[in-house]
């Protein structure tokens, strides 16, 4: 993965995790098996215009 793409992925992942913590749901989502990196990938693809089905693990 190119450095710019990796940096973008990490920045989005950090924002997602920070928001989950702010809302107090981070622990629950971890227990349910959600993966923050995968959610970041989905968010990036959606922002780039790709339609991404998102299912619960």
C-alpha atoms as a PDB file:
ATOM      1  CA  UNK A   1       0.000   0.000   0.000  1.00  0.00           C
ATOM      2  CA  UNK A   2       1.449   3.409  -0.899  1.00  0.00           C
ATOM      3  CA  UNK A   3       2.401   5.688   1.996  1.00  0.00           C
ATOM      4  CA  UNK A   4      -0.290   8.249   1.160  1.00  0.00           C
ATOM      5  CA  UNK A   5      -2.962   5.545   1.118  1.00  0.00           C
ATOM      6  CA  UNK A   6      -1.712   4.107   4.416  1.00  0.00           C
ATOM      7  CA  UNK A   7      -1.673   7.566   6.002  1.00  0.00           C
ATOM      8  CA  UNK A   8      -5.230   8.208   4.822  1.00  0.00           C
ATOM      9  CA  UNK A   9      -6.396   4.852   6.190  1.00  0.00           C
ATOM     10  CA  UNK A  10      -4.788   5.486   9.580  1.00  0.00           C
ATOM     11  CA  UNK A  11      -6.217   9.022   9.798  1.00  0.00           C
ATOM     12  CA  UNK A  12      -9.745   7.774   9.083  1.00  0.00           C
ATOM     13  CA  UNK A  13      -9.312   4.847  11.498  1.00  0.00           C
ATOM     14  CA  UNK A  14      -8.205   7.205  14.272  1.00  0.00           C
ATOM     15  CA  UNK A  15     -11.207   9.468  13.628  1.00  0.00           C
ATOM     16  CA  UNK A  16     -13.598   6.498  13.765  1.00  0.00           C
ATOM     17  CA  UNK A  17     -12.093   5.152  17.002  1.00  0.00           C
ATOM     18  CA  UNK A  18     -12.063   8.632  18.578  1.00  0.00           C
ATOM     19  CA  UNK A  19     -15.761   9.081  17.714  1.00  0.00           C
ATOM     20  CA  UNK A  20     -16.646   5.644  19.110  1.00  0.00           C
ATOM     21  CA  UNK A  21     -14.837   6.536  22.328  1.00  0.00           C
ATOM     22  CA  UNK A  22     -16.582   9.900  22.478  1.00  0.00           C
ATOM     23  CA  UNK A  23     -19.957   8.216  22.140  1.00  0.00           C
ATOM     24  CA  UNK A  24     -19.036   5.509  24.659  1.00  0.00           C
ATOM     25  CA  UNK A  25     -19.638   2.611  22.288  1.00  0.00           C
ATOM     26  CA  UNK A  26     -16.073   1.507  21.469  1.00  0.00           C
ATOM     27  CA  UNK A  27     -16.002  -1.401  23.934  1.00  0.00           C
ATOM     28  CA  UNK A  28     -19.395  -2.677  22.790  1.00  0.00           C
ATOM     29  CA  UNK A  29     -18.373  -2.603  19.131  1.00  0.00           C
ATOM     30  CA  UNK A  30     -15.165  -4.500  19.906  1.00  0.00           C
ATOM     31  CA  UNK A  31     -17.176  -7.141  21.759  1.00  0.00           C
ATOM     32  CA  UNK A  32     -19.496  -7.447  18.736  1.00  0.00           C
ATOM     33  CA  UNK A  33     -16.499  -8.060  16.511  1.00  0.00           C
ATOM     34  CA  UNK A  34     -16.385  -4.829  14.547  1.00  0.00           C
ATOM     35  CA  UNK A  35     -12.986  -3.994  13.049  1.00  0.00           C
ATOM     36  CA  UNK A  36     -12.090  -0.281  12.990  1.00  0.00           C
ATOM     37  CA  UNK A  37      -9.635  -0.741  10.108  1.00  0.00           C
ATOM     38  CA  UNK A  38     -12.286  -2.431   7.990  1.00  0.00           C
ATOM     39  CA  UNK A  39     -14.770   0.329   8.795  1.00  0.00           C
ATOM     40  CA  UNK A  40     -12.158   2.900   7.772  1.00  0.00           C
ATOM     41  CA  UNK A  41     -11.643   1.086   4.460  1.00  0.00           C
ATOM     42  CA  UNK A  42     -15.408   1.131   3.887  1.00  0.00           C
ATOM     43  CA  UNK A  43     -15.601   4.837   4.771  1.00  0.00           C
ATOM     44  CA  UNK A  44     -12.779   5.671   2.358  1.00  0.00           C
ATOM     45  CA  UNK A  45     -14.312   3.651  -0.457  1.00  0.00           C
ATOM     46  CA  UNK A  46     -17.676   5.305   0.141  1.00  0.00           C
ATOM     47  CA  UNK A  47     -16.062   8.754   0.133  1.00  0.00           C
ATOM     48  CA  UNK A  48     -14.408   7.857  -3.164  1.00  0.00           C
ATOM     49  CA  UNK A  49     -17.807   7.001  -4.644  1.00  0.00           C
ATOM     50  CA  UNK A  50     -17.796   3.208  -4.382  1.00  0.00           C
ATOM     51  CA  UNK A  51     -20.972   1.518  -3.170  1.00  0.00           C
ATOM     52  CA  UNK A  52     -19.972  -0.740  -0.312  1.00  0.00           C
ATOM     53  CA  UNK A  53     -22.401  -3.105   1.379  1.00  0.00           C
ATOM     54  CA  UNK A  54     -21.712  -3.047   5.104  1.00  0.00           C
ATOM     55  CA  UNK A  55     -22.746  -6.038   7.128  1.00  0.00           C
ATOM     56  CA  UNK A  56     -22.484  -6.869  10.747  1.00  0.00           C
ATOM     57  CA  UNK A  57     -19.684  -9.398  11.423  1.00  0.00           C
END
